[in-house]
Amino acid sequence: MQTIILHKAKYAAFLAVVCALVLAALWGAGSCWTIYGLDTAVEEAPLNIPLVPEYYTDKDYGAVVLMYHHIVEDDDFATGQYEGNNAIISLGQFEEEMAYLAAHGYQTFTMSEAAGMLYNALPFPEKSVIITFDDGYESNYLLAYPLLKKYELKATVAAVVVSTVQVESGADQNIPHLTFAQMQEMQDSGLVEIGSHSYNGHGMIVTNANGSQDKFFVSRMYLPEEGRKETAAEYIERITQDLRRSKDILEGQLGAPVNYFAYPYGVVDSNVVNALNQNNFLVAVTTASGTINKNSDPFRLNRRNVDQNISLSQFAALLNT
């Protein structure tokens, strides 16, 4: 009988390889997605990545992320007081657009479902649309939500949380915002996901002694009592705390993970992306016009704004990927 003797170092390396293979096999046991009965192996994603609805496509058609804000009744819109404000559209226009999506076979996803596709490089099926609302206005519940139910379409709402807190406490606002109870009802339907548009970062801050102002998330604040700008570390802490507070409040009130963030004013830089990662957000959208696909950066997703008074043919053109 031949005796095989391994050098200590080689033996240790051999054991390490065997252990790694065993661990990989155990880890990979749950790493397949089932898509219409087909087991499709994908690269491992973080454990908190949501699953996506069952579908099948052998080609990535990409997706369009639509951006809405506030909706008003047709009679109110007809007064002309909102003319030129492309953050506000009429209920009639919105229903016409939702009816078009339903009639032409568009498939809608929430932003968490989109995250599952992006992190696993899963292709978007043909006619994929993600409907988003910024700011969290009450019209999203009173006017948009009934139509989402009527046409069985999904949407994602990004709320400015301090506005919701103010509504719950009875404070007056120019445009009413969603309450937590309204968010909860929409979320429980399975059609609407709630995300964050900041806690109180949708505004401007003073950036120097002259009173100049710039956007909350990408500028360093001037501290008048100390006669200086905040340090880089103080700036990072401020935006991180705002994001954490928005996430904690929404998750505490609604009992579901908050994975989605809409950048106020659409502005983003690496500091904000790092703060989002630190707070376990998965996806974020800008206001840059464009479409997304399976290879898009999850924290720099493009959207297309739905302007007021666009024709139905113009809306159809927005859906072209």
C-alpha atoms as a PDB file:
ATOM      1  CA  MET A   1       0.000   0.000   0.000  1.00  0.00           C
ATOM      2  CA  GLN A   2       1.329   3.396  -0.940  1.00  0.00           C
ATOM      3  CA  THR A   3       1.297   5.988   1.798  1.00  0.00           C
ATOM      4  CA  ILE A   4       0.426   9.498   0.721  1.00  0.00           C
ATOM      5  CA  ILE A   5       1.901  12.218   2.920  1.00  0.00           C
ATOM      6  CA  LEU A   6       0.756  15.839   2.511  1.00  0.00           C
ATOM      7  CA  HIS A   7       2.868  18.735   3.606  1.00  0.00           C
ATOM      8  CA  LYS A   8       1.235  20.636   6.481  1.00  0.00           C
ATOM      9  CA  ALA A   9       0.662  23.752   4.401  1.00  0.00           C
ATOM     10  CA  LYS A  10      -0.760  21.780   1.508  1.00  0.00           C
ATOM     11  CA  TYR A  11      -3.023  19.840   3.878  1.00  0.00           C
ATOM     12  CA  ALA A  12      -4.360  23.066   5.404  1.00  0.00           C
ATOM     13  CA  ALA A  13      -4.987  24.512   1.973  1.00  0.00           C
ATOM     14  CA  PHE A  14      -6.771  21.325   0.937  1.00  0.00           C
ATOM     15  CA  LEU A  15      -9.061  21.494   3.992  1.00  0.00           C
ATOM     16  CA  ALA A  16      -9.800  25.173   3.330  1.00  0.00           C
ATOM     17  CA  VAL A  17     -10.886  24.402  -0.221  1.00  0.00           C
ATOM     18  CA  VAL A  18     -13.114  21.530   0.937  1.00  0.00           C
ATOM     19  CA  CYS A  19     -14.728  23.707   3.624  1.00  0.00           C
ATOM     20  CA  ALA A  20     -15.299  26.512   1.149  1.00  0.00           C
ATOM     21  CA  LEU A  21     -16.979  24.148  -1.278  1.00  0.00           C
ATOM     22  CA  VAL A  22     -19.244  22.736   1.430  1.00  0.00           C
ATOM     23  CA  LEU A  23     -20.227  26.202   2.650  1.00  0.00           C
ATOM     24  CA  ALA A  24     -20.870  27.357  -0.912  1.00  0.00           C
ATOM     25  CA  ALA A  25     -23.134  24.373  -1.511  1.00  0.00           C
ATOM     26  CA  LEU A  26     -25.098  25.052   1.672  1.00  0.00           C
ATOM     27  CA  TRP A  27     -25.333  28.782   0.965  1.00  0.00           C
ATOM     28  CA  GLY A  28     -26.395  28.234  -2.613  1.00  0.00           C
ATOM     29  CA  ALA A  29     -29.196  25.843  -1.694  1.00  0.00           C
ATOM     30  CA  GLY A  30     -31.670  28.675  -1.540  1.00  0.00           C
ATOM     31  CA  SER A  31     -30.277  30.838  -4.301  1.00  0.00           C
ATOM     32  CA  CYS A  32     -32.644  29.927  -7.131  1.00  0.00           C
ATOM     33  CA  TRP A  33     -35.621  31.946  -8.260  1.00  0.00           C
ATOM     34  CA  THR A  34     -38.694  30.146  -9.549  1.00  0.00           C
ATOM     35  CA  ILE A  35     -40.067  31.915 -12.612  1.00  0.00           C
ATOM     36  CA  TYR A  36     -43.129  30.166 -13.988  1.00  0.00           C
ATOM     37  CA  GLY A  37     -41.816  26.837 -12.747  1.00  0.00           C
ATOM     38  CA  LEU A  38     -38.290  27.287 -14.075  1.00  0.00           C
ATOM     39  CA  ASP A  39     -35.467  27.200 -11.521  1.00  0.00           C
ATOM     40  CA  THR A  40     -33.140  29.969 -12.590  1.00  0.00           C
ATOM     41  CA  ALA A  41     -29.859  30.320 -10.728  1.00  0.00           C
ATOM     42  CA  VAL A  42     -28.816  33.904 -10.053  1.00  0.00           C
ATOM     43  CA  GLU A  43     -25.962  35.617  -8.299  1.00  0.00           C
ATOM     44  CA  GLU A  44     -26.427  35.839  -4.555  1.00  0.00           C
ATOM     45  CA  ALA A  45     -28.090  39.045  -3.372  1.00  0.00           C
ATOM     46  CA  PRO A  46     -28.278  40.490   0.144  1.00  0.00           C
ATOM     47  CA  LEU A  47     -30.749  38.594   2.292  1.00  0.00           C
ATOM     48  CA  ASN A  48     -33.108  41.582   2.556  1.00  0.00           C
ATOM     49  CA  ILE A  49     -33.680  41.870  -1.199  1.00  0.00           C
ATOM     50  CA  PRO A  50     -37.421  41.397  -1.856  1.00  0.00           C
ATOM     51  CA  LEU A  51     -38.738  38.719  -4.172  1.00  0.00           C
ATOM     52  CA  VAL A  52     -40.464  39.684  -7.397  1.00  0.00           C
ATOM     53  CA  PRO A  53     -43.747  38.452  -8.895  1.00  0.00           C
ATOM     54  CA  GLU A  54     -43.574  35.404 -11.138  1.00  0.00           C
ATOM     55  CA  TYR A  55     -42.987  36.227 -14.779  1.00  0.00           C
ATOM     56  CA  TYR A  56     -40.872  34.983 -17.631  1.00  0.00           C
ATOM     57  CA  THR A  57     -38.844  36.800 -20.234  1.00  0.00           C
ATOM     58  CA  ASP A  58     -35.687  35.873 -22.095  1.00  0.00           C
ATOM     59  CA  LYS A  59     -34.900  39.503 -22.958  1.00  0.00           C
ATOM     60  CA  ASP A  60     -34.466  42.639 -20.875  1.00  0.00           C
ATOM     61  CA  TYR A  61     -36.972  45.145 -22.247  1.00  0.00           C
ATOM     62  CA  GLY A  62     -36.202  47.699 -19.555  1.00  0.00           C
ATOM     63  CA  ALA A  63     -38.787  49.685 -17.614  1.00  0.00           C
ATOM     64  CA  VAL A  64     -40.188  53.195 -17.400  1.00  0.00           C
ATOM     65  CA  VAL A  65     -40.487  54.848 -13.994  1.00  0.00           C
ATOM     66  CA  LEU A  66     -43.298  57.416 -14.126  1.00  0.00           C
ATOM     67  CA  MET A  67     -43.188  60.405 -11.778  1.00  0.00           C
ATOM     68  CA  TYR A  68     -46.366  61.968 -10.378  1.00  0.00           C
ATOM     69  CA  HIS A  69     -46.966  64.339  -7.480  1.00  0.00           C
ATOM     70  CA  HIS A  70     -50.375  65.903  -6.780  1.00  0.00           C
ATOM     71  CA  ILE A  71     -53.778  65.296  -8.419  1.00  0.00           C
ATOM     72  CA  VAL A  72     -56.787  67.623  -8.285  1.00  0.00           C
ATOM     73  CA  GLU A  73     -60.435  67.263  -9.276  1.00  0.00           C
ATOM     74  CA  ASP A  74     -61.252  68.273 -12.853  1.00  0.00           C
ATOM     75  CA  ASP A  75     -63.398  71.271 -11.839  1.00  0.00           C
ATOM     76  CA  ASP A  76     -60.621  72.567  -9.621  1.00  0.00           C
ATOM     77  CA  PHE A  77     -58.039  72.077 -12.363  1.00  0.00           C
ATOM     78  CA  ALA A  78     -60.272  73.864 -14.895  1.00  0.00           C
ATOM     79  CA  THR A  79     -60.004  77.120 -12.937  1.00  0.00           C
ATOM     80  CA  GLY A  80     -56.516  77.575 -14.387  1.00  0.00           C
ATOM     81  CA  GLN A  81     -54.861  78.199 -11.032  1.00  0.00           C
ATOM     82  CA  TYR A  82     -52.428  75.303 -11.581  1.00  0.00           C
ATOM     83  CA  GLU A  83     -51.431  76.252 -15.110  1.00  0.00           C
ATOM     84  CA  GLY A  84     -47.741  75.675 -15.706  1.00  0.00           C
ATOM     85  CA  ASN A  85     -47.234  73.659 -12.511  1.00  0.00           C
ATOM     86  CA  ASN A  86     -46.175  70.266 -13.827  1.00  0.00           C
ATOM     87  CA  ALA A  87     -46.280  68.743 -10.363  1.00  0.00           C
ATOM     88  CA  ILE A  88     -50.093  68.932 -10.542  1.00  0.00           C
ATOM     89  CA  ILE A  89     -52.372  67.138 -12.996  1.00  0.00           C
ATOM     90  CA  SER A  90     -56.122  66.647 -13.260  1.00  0.00           C
ATOM     91  CA  LEU A  91     -57.970  63.556 -12.127  1.00  0.00           C
ATOM     92  CA  GLY A  92     -59.323  63.095 -15.657  1.00  0.00           C
ATOM     93  CA  GLN A  93     -55.833  63.018 -17.116  1.00  0.00           C
ATOM     94  CA  PHE A  94     -54.640  60.551 -14.504  1.00  0.00           C
ATOM     95  CA  GLU A  95     -57.561  58.186 -15.087  1.00  0.00           C
ATOM     96  CA  GLU A  96     -57.049  58.307 -18.843  1.00  0.00           C
ATOM     97  CA  GLU A  97     -53.407  57.325 -18.347  1.00  0.00           C
ATOM     98  CA  MET A  98     -54.169  54.504 -15.904  1.00  0.00           C
ATOM     99  CA  ALA A  99     -56.868  53.166 -18.219  1.00  0.00           C
ATOM    100  CA  TYR A 100     -54.331  53.194 -21.061  1.00  0.00           C
ATOM    101  CA  LEU A 101     -51.831  51.142 -19.036  1.00  0.00           C
ATOM    102  CA  ALA A 102     -54.469  48.574 -18.156  1.00  0.00           C
ATOM    103  CA  ALA A 103     -55.944  48.346 -21.663  1.00  0.00           C
ATOM    104  CA  HIS A 104     -52.561  47.882 -23.328  1.00  0.00           C
ATOM    105  CA  GLY A 105     -51.219  45.165 -21.049  1.00  0.00           C
ATOM    106  CA  TYR A 106     -48.610  47.077 -19.081  1.00  0.00           C
ATOM    107  CA  GLN A 107     -47.249  45.290 -16.002  1.00  0.00           C
ATOM    108  CA  THR A 108     -46.640  47.484 -12.962  1.00  0.00           C
ATOM    109  CA  PHE A 109     -44.107  46.813 -10.226  1.00  0.00           C
ATOM    110  CA  THR A 110     -43.428  48.388  -6.843  1.00  0.00           C
ATOM    111  CA  MET A 111     -39.963  49.807  -6.239  1.00  0.00           C
ATOM    112  CA  SER A 112     -39.114  46.921  -3.884  1.00  0.00           C
ATOM    113  CA  GLU A 113     -40.001  44.460  -6.628  1.00  0.00           C
ATOM    114  CA  ALA A 114     -37.797  46.447  -8.981  1.00  0.00           C
ATOM    115  CA  ALA A 115     -35.010  46.182  -6.381  1.00  0.00           C
ATOM    116  CA  GLY A 116     -35.313  42.405  -6.462  1.00  0.00           C
ATOM    117  CA  MET A 117     -34.875  42.483 -10.210  1.00  0.00           C
ATOM    118  CA  LEU A 118     -31.973  44.954 -10.184  1.00  0.00           C
ATOM    119  CA  TYR A 119     -29.933  43.258  -7.460  1.00  0.00           C
ATOM    120  CA  ASN A 120     -30.274  39.901  -9.182  1.00  0.00           C
ATOM    121  CA  ALA A 121     -29.882  41.273 -12.747  1.00  0.00           C
ATOM    122  CA  LEU A 122     -33.253  39.828 -13.702  1.00  0.00           C
ATOM    123  CA  PRO A 123     -34.568  41.139 -17.017  1.00  0.00           C
ATOM    124  CA  PHE A 124     -37.624  43.388 -17.079  1.00  0.00           C
ATOM    125  CA  PRO A 125     -40.483  41.942 -19.130  1.00  0.00           C
ATOM    126  CA  GLU A 126     -41.982  43.838 -22.015  1.00  0.00           C
ATOM    127  CA  LYS A 127     -44.237  46.762 -21.049  1.00  0.00           C
ATOM    128  CA  SER A 128     -42.828  47.180 -17.514  1.00  0.00           C
ATOM    129  CA  VAL A 129     -43.885  50.336 -15.665  1.00  0.00           C
ATOM    130  CA  ILE A 130     -43.193  51.625 -12.163  1.00  0.00           C
ATOM    131  CA  ILE A 131     -45.609  54.346 -11.009  1.00  0.00           C
ATOM    132  CA  THR A 132     -44.199  56.712  -8.372  1.00  0.00           C
ATOM    133  CA  PHE A 133     -45.644  59.627  -6.412  1.00  0.00           C
ATOM    134  CA  ASP A 134     -43.401  62.170  -4.660  1.00  0.00           C
ATOM    135  CA  ASP A 135     -44.175  64.121  -1.463  1.00  0.00           C
ATOM    136  CA  GLY A 136     -47.053  61.998  -0.127  1.00  0.00           C
ATOM    137  CA  TYR A 137     -50.025  64.243  -0.809  1.00  0.00           C
ATOM    138  CA  GLU A 138     -53.459  63.149   0.419  1.00  0.00           C
ATOM    139  CA  SER A 139     -54.672  63.217  -3.184  1.00  0.00           C
ATOM    140  CA  ASN A 140     -52.643  60.039  -3.689  1.00  0.00           C
ATOM    141  CA  TYR A 141     -55.130  58.327  -1.374  1.00  0.00           C
ATOM    142  CA  LEU A 142     -58.344  60.201  -2.176  1.00  0.00           C
ATOM    143  CA  LEU A 143     -58.006  60.353  -5.982  1.00  0.00           C
ATOM    144  CA  ALA A 144     -55.204  58.117  -7.257  1.00  0.00           C
ATOM    145  CA  TYR A 145     -55.694  55.079  -5.025  1.00  0.00           C
ATOM    146  CA  PRO A 146     -59.300  54.342  -6.127  1.00  0.00           C
ATOM    147  CA  LEU A 147     -58.102  54.282  -9.741  1.00  0.00           C
ATOM    148  CA  LEU A 148     -55.146  52.042  -8.915  1.00  0.00           C
ATOM    149  CA  LYS A 149     -57.660  49.612  -7.407  1.00  0.00           C
ATOM    150  CA  LYS A 150     -60.040  49.974 -10.356  1.00  0.00           C
ATOM    151  CA  TYR A 151     -57.353  49.126 -12.907  1.00  0.00           C
ATOM    152  CA  GLU A 152     -55.330  46.790 -10.624  1.00  0.00           C
ATOM    153  CA  LEU A 153     -52.109  48.762 -10.924  1.00  0.00           C
ATOM    154  CA  LYS A 154     -49.260  49.033  -8.429  1.00  0.00           C
ATOM    155  CA  ALA A 155     -47.583  52.260  -7.311  1.00  0.00           C
ATOM    156  CA  THR A 156     -44.986  53.530  -4.841  1.00  0.00           C
ATOM    157  CA  VAL A 157     -45.421  56.699  -2.763  1.00  0.00           C
ATOM    158  CA  ALA A 158     -42.455  58.584  -1.258  1.00  0.00           C
ATOM    159  CA  ALA A 159     -43.590  60.604   1.757  1.00  0.00           C
ATOM    160  CA  VAL A 160     -41.975  63.628   3.377  1.00  0.00           C
ATOM    161  CA  VAL A 161     -42.413  62.265   6.867  1.00  0.00           C
ATOM    162  CA  VAL A 162     -42.491  65.526   8.805  1.00  0.00           C
ATOM    163  CA  SER A 163     -45.543  66.533   6.753  1.00  0.00           C
ATOM    164  CA  THR A 164     -47.304  63.337   7.801  1.00  0.00           C
ATOM    165  CA  VAL A 165     -46.396  63.938  11.443  1.00  0.00           C
ATOM    166  CA  GLN A 166     -47.813  67.458  11.156  1.00  0.00           C
ATOM    167  CA  VAL A 167     -51.049  66.136   9.655  1.00  0.00           C
ATOM    168  CA  GLU A 168     -51.403  63.596  12.456  1.00  0.00           C
ATOM    169  CA  SER A 169     -50.954  66.358  15.011  1.00  0.00           C
ATOM    170  CA  GLY A 170     -53.507  68.608  13.292  1.00  0.00           C
ATOM    171  CA  ALA A 171     -51.163  71.265  11.925  1.00  0.00           C
ATOM    172  CA  ASP A 172     -52.375  73.276   8.919  1.00  0.00           C
ATOM    173  CA  GLN A 173     -50.754  72.775   5.514  1.00  0.00           C
ATOM    174  CA  ASN A 174     -51.233  74.353   2.112  1.00  0.00           C
ATOM    175  CA  ILE A 175     -51.773  70.949   0.484  1.00  0.00           C
ATOM    176  CA  PRO A 176     -52.904  68.141   2.809  1.00  0.00           C
ATOM    177  CA  HIS A 177     -50.557  65.189   3.097  1.00  0.00           C
ATOM    178  CA  LEU A 178     -51.235  61.527   3.755  1.00  0.00           C
ATOM    179  CA  THR A 179     -51.894  60.322   7.273  1.00  0.00           C
ATOM    180  CA  PHE A 180     -50.363  57.119   8.572  1.00  0.00           C
ATOM    181  CA  ALA A 181     -53.807  55.509   8.580  1.00  0.00           C
ATOM    182  CA  GLN A 182     -54.226  56.281   4.870  1.00  0.00           C
ATOM    183  CA  MET A 183     -50.753  54.934   4.125  1.00  0.00           C
ATOM    184  CA  GLN A 184     -51.539  51.785   6.076  1.00  0.00           C
ATOM    185  CA  GLU A 185     -54.743  51.149   4.148  1.00  0.00           C
ATOM    186  CA  MET A 186     -53.025  51.561   0.797  1.00  0.00           C
ATOM    187  CA  GLN A 187     -50.103  49.396   1.834  1.00  0.00           C
ATOM    188  CA  ASP A 188     -52.397  46.651   3.131  1.00  0.00           C
ATOM    189  CA  SER A 189     -54.050  46.447  -0.295  1.00  0.00           C
ATOM    190  CA  GLY A 190     -50.830  45.101  -1.798  1.00  0.00           C
ATOM    191  CA  LEU A 191     -51.030  47.713  -4.544  1.00  0.00           C
ATOM    192  CA  VAL A 192     -49.137  50.577  -2.909  1.00  0.00           C
ATOM    193  CA  GLU A 193     -45.690  50.644  -1.335  1.00  0.00           C
ATOM    194  CA  ILE A 194     -44.609  53.472   0.963  1.00  0.00           C
ATOM    195  CA  GLY A 195     -41.110  54.910   0.724  1.00  0.00           C
ATOM    196  CA  SER A 196     -39.290  57.976   1.991  1.00  0.00           C
ATOM    197  CA  HIS A 197     -38.794  61.424   0.492  1.00  0.00           C
ATOM    198  CA  SER A 198     -36.793  62.405   3.619  1.00  0.00           C
ATOM    199  CA  TYR A 199     -37.882  63.241   7.149  1.00  0.00           C
ATOM    200  CA  ASN A 200     -37.528  66.999   6.805  1.00  0.00           C
ATOM    201  CA  GLY A 201     -34.981  67.332   4.013  1.00  0.00           C
ATOM    202  CA  HIS A 202     -37.208  68.548   1.213  1.00  0.00           C
ATOM    203  CA  GLY A 203     -36.195  72.155   1.563  1.00  0.00           C
ATOM    204  CA  MET A 204     -33.343  74.620   1.436  1.00  0.00           C
ATOM    205  CA  ILE A 205     -30.705  75.409   4.029  1.00  0.00           C
ATOM    206  CA  VAL A 206     -28.589  78.509   4.635  1.00  0.00           C
ATOM    207  CA  THR A 207     -25.038  77.846   3.443  1.00  0.00           C
ATOM    208  CA  ASN A 208     -23.098  81.036   4.305  1.00  0.00           C
ATOM    209  CA  ALA A 209     -23.143  84.244   6.333  1.00  0.00           C
ATOM    210  CA  ASN A 210     -24.782  86.110   3.454  1.00  0.00           C
ATOM    211  CA  GLY A 211     -27.870  83.942   3.714  1.00  0.00           C
ATOM    212  CA  SER A 212     -27.350  82.040   0.465  1.00  0.00           C
ATOM    213  CA  GLN A 213     -29.385  78.867   0.278  1.00  0.00           C
ATOM    214  CA  ASP A 214     -28.948  75.451  -1.289  1.00  0.00           C
ATOM    215  CA  LYS A 215     -30.486  71.992  -1.083  1.00  0.00           C
ATOM    216  CA  PHE A 216     -30.551  70.093   2.209  1.00  0.00           C
ATOM    217  CA  PHE A 217     -28.895  66.843   1.134  1.00  0.00           C
ATOM    218  CA  VAL A 218     -25.990  68.093  -0.971  1.00  0.00           C
ATOM    219  CA  SER A 219     -24.861  71.236   0.868  1.00  0.00           C
ATOM    220  CA  ARG A 220     -23.106  72.030   4.112  1.00  0.00           C
ATOM    221  CA  MET A 221     -25.175  74.133   6.489  1.00  0.00           C
ATOM    222  CA  TYR A 222     -24.011  77.467   7.872  1.00  0.00           C
ATOM    223  CA  LEU A 223     -24.058  77.602  11.691  1.00  0.00           C
ATOM    224  CA  PRO A 224     -24.659  81.279  12.549  1.00  0.00           C
ATOM    225  CA  GLU A 225     -24.154  80.849  16.292  1.00  0.00           C
ATOM    226  CA  GLU A 226     -20.638  79.576  15.583  1.00  0.00           C
ATOM    227  CA  GLY A 227     -19.946  81.665  12.493  1.00  0.00           C
ATOM    228  CA  ARG A 228     -18.936  78.708  10.369  1.00  0.00           C
ATOM    229  CA  LYS A 229     -20.117  75.975   8.051  1.00  0.00           C
ATOM    230  CA  GLU A 230     -20.666  72.542   9.482  1.00  0.00           C
ATOM    231  CA  THR A 231     -17.742  70.188   9.028  1.00  0.00           C
ATOM    232  CA  ALA A 232     -17.835  67.321   6.547  1.00  0.00           C
ATOM    233  CA  ALA A 233     -18.465  64.939   9.439  1.00  0.00           C
ATOM    234  CA  GLU A 234     -21.320  67.090  10.766  1.00  0.00           C
ATOM    235  CA  TYR A 235     -22.868  67.265   7.313  1.00  0.00           C
ATOM    236  CA  ILE A 236     -22.736  63.461   6.923  1.00  0.00           C
ATOM    237  CA  GLU A 237     -24.276  63.000  10.362  1.00  0.00           C
ATOM    238  CA  ARG A 238     -27.110  65.443   9.596  1.00  0.00           C
ATOM    239  CA  ILE A 239     -28.216  63.784   6.371  1.00  0.00           C
ATOM    240  CA  THR A 240     -27.747  60.302   7.828  1.00  0.00           C
ATOM    241  CA  GLN A 241     -29.938  61.163  10.806  1.00  0.00           C
ATOM    242  CA  ASP A 242     -32.651  62.580   8.557  1.00  0.00           C
ATOM    243  CA  LEU A 243     -32.746  59.387   6.502  1.00  0.00           C
ATOM    244  CA  ARG A 244     -32.692  57.192   9.600  1.00  0.00           C
ATOM    245  CA  ARG A 245     -35.486  59.139  11.233  1.00  0.00           C
ATOM    246  CA  SER A 246     -37.702  58.913   8.153  1.00  0.00           C
ATOM    247  CA  LYS A 247     -37.131  55.172   7.881  1.00  0.00           C
ATOM    248  CA  ASP A 248     -37.633  54.473  11.583  1.00  0.00           C
ATOM    249  CA  ILE A 249     -40.897  56.426  11.770  1.00  0.00           C
ATOM    250  CA  LEU A 250     -42.398  54.902   8.632  1.00  0.00           C
ATOM    251  CA  GLU A 251     -41.381  51.360   9.538  1.00  0.00           C
ATOM    252  CA  GLY A 252     -42.618  51.818  13.093  1.00  0.00           C
ATOM    253  CA  GLN A 253     -45.973  53.167  11.963  1.00  0.00           C
ATOM    254  CA  LEU A 254     -46.579  50.827   9.022  1.00  0.00           C
ATOM    255  CA  GLY A 255     -44.868  47.629  10.145  1.00  0.00           C
ATOM    256  CA  ALA A 256     -43.099  47.022   6.832  1.00  0.00           C
ATOM    257  CA  PRO A 257     -39.570  47.608   5.513  1.00  0.00           C
ATOM    258  CA  VAL A 258     -38.934  50.946   3.830  1.00  0.00           C
ATOM    259  CA  ASN A 259     -36.633  50.178   0.911  1.00  0.00           C
ATOM    260  CA  TYR A 260     -37.219  53.148  -1.374  1.00  0.00           C
ATOM    261  CA  PHE A 261     -36.034  56.755  -1.381  1.00  0.00           C
ATOM    262  CA  ALA A 262     -36.843  59.611  -3.751  1.00  0.00           C
ATOM    263  CA  TYR A 263     -34.170  62.329  -3.714  1.00  0.00           C
ATOM    264  CA  PRO A 264     -35.642  65.746  -2.915  1.00  0.00           C
ATOM    265  CA  TYR A 265     -35.313  67.849  -6.075  1.00  0.00           C
ATOM    266  CA  GLY A 266     -33.727  64.788  -7.688  1.00  0.00           C
ATOM    267  CA  VAL A 267     -30.208  65.725  -6.557  1.00  0.00           C
ATOM    268  CA  VAL A 268     -27.769  63.008  -5.538  1.00  0.00           C
ATOM    269  CA  ASP A 269     -24.077  62.586  -4.815  1.00  0.00           C
ATOM    270  CA  SER A 270     -21.888  59.885  -3.292  1.00  0.00           C
ATOM    271  CA  ASN A 271     -22.421  61.192   0.252  1.00  0.00           C
ATOM    272  CA  VAL A 272     -26.177  60.689   0.016  1.00  0.00           C
ATOM    273  CA  VAL A 273     -25.775  57.256  -1.566  1.00  0.00           C
ATOM    274  CA  ASN A 274     -23.441  56.215   1.269  1.00  0.00           C
ATOM    275  CA  ALA A 275     -25.966  57.453   3.844  1.00  0.00           C
ATOM    276  CA  LEU A 276     -28.732  55.487   2.119  1.00  0.00           C
ATOM    277  CA  ASN A 277     -26.595  52.352   2.197  1.00  0.00           C
ATOM    278  CA  GLN A 278     -25.858  52.914   5.868  1.00  0.00           C
ATOM    279  CA  ASN A 279     -29.597  53.050   6.563  1.00  0.00           C
ATOM    280  CA  ASN A 280     -30.364  49.932   4.497  1.00  0.00           C
ATOM    281  CA  PHE A 281     -32.298  51.565   1.676  1.00  0.00           C
ATOM    282  CA  LEU A 282     -32.209  49.492  -1.507  1.00  0.00           C
ATOM    283  CA  VAL A 283     -33.262  51.799  -4.344  1.00  0.00           C
ATOM    284  CA  ALA A 284     -33.495  55.521  -5.011  1.00  0.00           C
ATOM    285  CA  VAL A 285     -34.739  57.671  -7.871  1.00  0.00           C
ATOM    286  CA  THR A 286     -33.593  60.941  -9.368  1.00  0.00           C
ATOM    287  CA  THR A 287     -35.549  63.292 -11.622  1.00  0.00           C
ATOM    288  CA  ALA A 288     -33.197  62.732 -14.565  1.00  0.00           C
ATOM    289  CA  SER A 289     -35.205  61.683 -17.597  1.00  0.00           C
ATOM    290  CA  GLY A 290     -34.653  58.200 -18.915  1.00  0.00           C
ATOM    291  CA  THR A 291     -35.464  54.530 -18.508  1.00  0.00           C
ATOM    292  CA  ILE A 292     -33.971  51.720 -16.437  1.00  0.00           C
ATOM    293  CA  ASN A 293     -32.884  48.131 -17.110  1.00  0.00           C
ATOM    294  CA  LYS A 294     -31.457  45.203 -15.164  1.00  0.00           C
ATOM    295  CA  ASN A 295     -27.980  46.802 -15.138  1.00  0.00           C
ATOM    296  CA  SER A 296     -29.068  50.222 -13.828  1.00  0.00           C
ATOM    297  CA  ASP A 297     -27.504  51.660 -10.673  1.00  0.00           C
ATOM    298  CA  PRO A 298     -30.163  51.023  -7.970  1.00  0.00           C
ATOM    299  CA  PHE A 299     -29.362  54.375  -6.330  1.00  0.00           C
ATOM    300  CA  ARG A 300     -29.501  56.494  -9.487  1.00  0.00           C
ATOM    301  CA  LEU A 301     -32.660  55.408 -11.262  1.00  0.00           C
ATOM    302  CA  ASN A 302     -34.062  57.658 -13.990  1.00  0.00           C
ATOM    303  CA  ARG A 303     -37.719  58.626 -14.290  1.00  0.00           C
ATOM    304  CA  ARG A 304     -40.053  60.361 -16.696  1.00  0.00           C
ATOM    305  CA  ASN A 305     -42.237  63.156 -15.372  1.00  0.00           C
ATOM    306  CA  VAL A 306     -45.883  63.110 -16.410  1.00  0.00           C
ATOM    307  CA  ASP A 307     -46.669  66.734 -17.300  1.00  0.00           C
ATOM    308  CA  GLN A 308     -50.110  68.291 -17.090  1.00  0.00           C
ATOM    309  CA  ASN A 309     -52.240  68.335 -20.206  1.00  0.00           C
ATOM    310  CA  ILE A 310     -50.095  65.979 -22.275  1.00  0.00           C
ATOM    311  CA  SER A 311     -52.063  64.094 -24.886  1.00  0.00           C
ATOM    312  CA  LEU A 312     -52.620  60.374 -24.653  1.00  0.00           C
ATOM    313  CA  SER A 313     -50.278  59.833 -27.595  1.00  0.00           C
ATOM    314  CA  GLN A 314     -47.609  61.825 -25.765  1.00  0.00           C
ATOM    315  CA  PHE A 315     -48.169  59.691 -22.677  1.00  0.00           C
ATOM    316  CA  ALA A 316     -47.788  56.573 -24.817  1.00  0.00           C
ATOM    317  CA  ALA A 317     -44.469  57.968 -26.076  1.00  0.00           C
ATOM    318  CA  LEU A 318     -43.262  58.267 -22.450  1.00  0.00           C
ATOM    319  CA  LEU A 319     -43.709  54.521 -22.118  1.00  0.00           C
ATOM    320  CA  ASN A 320     -41.293  53.755 -24.927  1.00  0.00           C
ATOM    321  CA  THR A 321     -38.154  52.049 -23.608  1.00  0.00           C
END
